[in-house]
Amino acid sequence: MTKFLLAVHVLAAVITIGPVTVAASMFPPTARRALAGPGNAATLAEARTLHRICRVYAVIAVVVPVFGLATAHSLHALGSPWLLTSIALTAAAAAVLGFLVLPRQSAALTVLDGTADPRKAAAALQAVGRLSMHTGLFNLLWATVTVLMIVRPGSTTGA
């Protein structure tokens, strides 16, 4: 059962978190291109698609920690420092995505769509700049979690 839980956990991480990190990283340059060439329907469609990927896969990615906790429980590793650190970093990554990345993507899209209140447009444009930084932080958190999952201090794999 442990191998099944671990396999689902790893597959879910690859299939859900990978697309979010790539799409989130692609969004700021796409938004900048769209801002540089207003009226470009293809670039606007690309930005919308990237945002949709981030939103949908972020929801589906909830299975990653669920199966991760189930795997840790079956391995009796729930109290391990590396795992607790990974859990905290996962929660931080989810918070960065949910409270910083996705809202700033939405704000940028309102400007790109031309539906933003003109008074809010300038703030939303500044948000695109900060969005790159928050996306980088999100990706760094996930990279750290991935390294912890592979290296995990005290591992018995010998790797």
Protein backbone atom coordinates (compact mmCIF):
# COMPACT_ATOMS: atom_id res chain seq x y z
CA MET A 1 0.00 0.00 0.00
CA THR A 2 2.87 2.38 0.80
CA LYS A 3 4.31 1.98 -2.70
CA PHE A 4 0.92 2.74 -4.23
CA LEU A 5 0.49 5.87 -2.10
CA LEU A 6 4.00 7.03 -2.93
CA ALA A 7 3.48 6.40 -6.65
CA VAL A 8 0.23 8.40 -6.68
CA HIS A 9 1.89 11.18 -4.64
CA VAL A 10 4.84 11.47 -7.05
CA LEU A 11 2.68 11.21 -10.18
CA ALA A 12 0.27 13.82 -8.84
CA ALA A 13 3.18 16.15 -8.06
CA VAL A 14 4.64 15.80 -11.54
CA ILE A 15 1.31 16.03 -13.36
CA THR A 16 -0.17 18.93 -11.37
CA ILE A 17 2.61 21.04 -9.90
CA GLY A 18 4.81 20.94 -12.99
CA PRO A 19 2.24 22.65 -15.23
CA VAL A 20 1.51 25.29 -12.58
CA THR A 21 5.17 26.21 -12.20
CA VAL A 22 5.68 26.41 -15.96
CA ALA A 23 2.46 28.34 -16.66
CA ALA A 24 3.05 30.72 -13.76
CA SER A 25 6.58 31.38 -15.03
CA MET A 26 5.33 32.04 -18.56
CA PHE A 27 2.56 34.43 -17.50
CA PRO A 28 4.60 37.58 -16.64
CA PRO A 29 6.51 37.73 -19.95
CA THR A 30 3.30 37.01 -21.83
CA ALA A 31 1.52 39.80 -19.95
CA ARG A 32 4.38 42.18 -20.72
CA ARG A 33 4.16 41.28 -24.43
CA ALA A 34 0.42 41.88 -24.35
CA LEU A 35 0.92 45.25 -22.66
CA ALA A 36 3.54 46.24 -25.22
CA GLY A 37 1.23 45.40 -28.13
CA PRO A 38 -2.33 46.19 -27.08
CA GLY A 39 -5.00 44.59 -29.19
CA ASN A 40 -3.01 41.42 -29.90
CA ALA A 41 -5.73 38.79 -29.47
CA ALA A 42 -3.31 35.84 -29.62
CA THR A 43 -1.14 37.12 -26.77
CA LEU A 44 -4.21 37.93 -24.68
CA ALA A 45 -5.56 34.42 -25.32
CA GLU A 46 -2.20 32.98 -24.29
CA ALA A 47 -2.25 34.95 -21.02
CA ARG A 48 -5.82 33.79 -20.30
CA THR A 49 -4.85 30.17 -20.98
CA LEU A 50 -1.81 30.37 -18.72
CA HIS A 51 -3.93 31.83 -15.92
CA ARG A 52 -6.57 29.12 -16.40
CA ILE A 53 -3.87 26.42 -16.21
CA CYS A 54 -2.60 27.92 -12.95
CA ARG A 55 -6.09 28.10 -11.43
CA VAL A 56 -7.28 24.65 -12.46
CA TYR A 57 -4.09 22.76 -11.69
CA ALA A 58 -3.72 24.56 -8.35
CA VAL A 59 -7.07 23.08 -7.29
CA ILE A 60 -6.23 19.62 -8.59
CA ALA A 61 -2.80 19.76 -6.89
CA VAL A 62 -4.50 19.36 -3.51
CA VAL A 63 -4.13 15.59 -4.06
CA VAL A 64 -0.34 15.95 -3.75
CA PRO A 65 -0.22 16.76 -0.02
CA VAL A 66 -3.17 14.41 0.67
CA PHE A 67 -1.30 11.43 -0.77
CA GLY A 68 1.97 12.72 0.66
CA LEU A 69 0.53 12.72 4.17
CA ALA A 70 -0.96 9.28 3.62
CA THR A 71 2.43 8.01 2.45
CA ALA A 72 4.23 9.61 5.41
CA HIS A 73 1.70 8.08 7.79
CA SER A 74 2.23 4.61 6.31
CA LEU A 75 6.02 5.08 6.62
CA HIS A 76 5.67 6.35 10.22
CA ALA A 77 7.57 9.47 9.19
CA LEU A 78 5.05 12.18 10.20
CA GLY A 79 7.35 13.50 12.94
CA SER A 80 10.49 13.68 10.81
CA PRO A 81 12.03 17.16 10.65
CA TRP A 82 12.55 17.00 6.86
CA LEU A 83 8.90 16.13 6.39
CA LEU A 84 7.65 18.84 8.73
CA THR A 85 9.84 21.33 6.87
CA SER A 86 8.43 20.09 3.55
CA ILE A 87 4.89 20.46 4.86
CA ALA A 88 5.59 24.02 5.99
CA LEU A 89 7.20 24.90 2.64
CA THR A 90 4.30 23.31 0.75
CA ALA A 91 1.85 25.41 2.75
CA ALA A 92 3.96 28.51 2.04
CA ALA A 93 4.02 27.70 -1.69
CA ALA A 94 0.24 27.24 -1.70
CA ALA A 95 -0.19 30.56 0.09
CA VAL A 96 2.10 32.37 -2.37
CA LEU A 97 0.17 30.89 -5.28
CA GLY A 98 -3.28 31.51 -3.82
CA PHE A 99 -2.74 34.93 -2.29
CA LEU A 100 -0.07 36.52 -4.49
CA VAL A 101 0.33 34.87 -7.88
CA LEU A 102 -3.25 34.09 -8.92
CA PRO A 103 -4.75 37.44 -7.79
CA ARG A 104 -2.02 39.40 -9.59
CA GLN A 105 -2.57 37.34 -12.72
CA SER A 106 -6.29 38.16 -12.51
CA ALA A 107 -5.52 41.85 -12.02
CA ALA A 108 -3.21 41.83 -15.02
CA LEU A 109 -5.89 40.16 -17.14
CA THR A 110 -8.42 42.85 -16.26
CA VAL A 111 -5.98 45.44 -17.56
CA LEU A 112 -5.21 43.41 -20.68
CA ASP A 113 -8.93 42.88 -21.33
CA GLY A 114 -9.52 46.60 -20.97
CA THR A 115 -12.07 45.94 -18.22
CA ALA A 116 -10.07 47.45 -15.38
CA ASP A 117 -11.13 50.68 -13.73
CA PRO A 118 -8.65 53.22 -15.15
CA ARG A 119 -7.70 54.24 -11.61
CA LYS A 120 -6.81 50.62 -10.82
CA ALA A 121 -5.02 49.97 -14.09
CA ALA A 122 -1.72 51.53 -13.02
CA ALA A 123 -1.65 49.44 -9.85
CA ALA A 124 -2.42 46.30 -11.83
CA LEU A 125 0.43 47.07 -14.23
CA GLN A 126 2.81 47.37 -11.29
CA ALA A 127 1.46 44.04 -10.08
CA VAL A 128 2.85 42.38 -13.22
CA GLY A 129 6.34 43.39 -12.09
CA ARG A 130 5.83 41.97 -8.62
CA LEU A 131 4.20 38.90 -10.14
CA SER A 132 7.56 37.75 -11.52
CA MET A 133 9.09 37.94 -8.06
CA HIS A 134 6.21 36.05 -6.44
CA THR A 135 6.28 33.42 -9.17
CA GLY A 136 10.00 32.94 -8.60
CA LEU A 137 9.39 32.54 -4.88
CA PHE A 138 6.65 29.98 -5.57
CA ASN A 139 8.99 28.01 -7.85
CA LEU A 140 11.86 28.21 -5.35
CA LEU A 141 9.64 26.84 -2.59
CA TRP A 142 8.59 23.89 -4.77
CA ALA A 143 12.18 23.23 -5.82
CA THR A 144 13.21 23.14 -2.16
CA VAL A 145 10.39 20.74 -1.32
CA THR A 146 11.41 18.53 -4.23
CA VAL A 147 15.03 18.44 -3.05
CA LEU A 148 13.92 17.61 0.50
CA MET A 149 11.77 14.78 -0.83
CA ILE A 150 14.69 13.35 -2.77
CA VAL A 151 17.51 13.87 -0.26
CA ARG A 152 15.49 13.64 2.96
CA PRO A 153 18.01 13.60 5.78
CA GLY A 154 18.09 10.30 7.59
CA SER A 155 16.96 8.41 4.48
CA THR A 156 17.53 4.69 4.47
CA THR A 157 17.82 4.55 0.68
CA GLY A 158 21.53 5.23 0.77
CA ALA A 159 21.20 7.70 -2.11
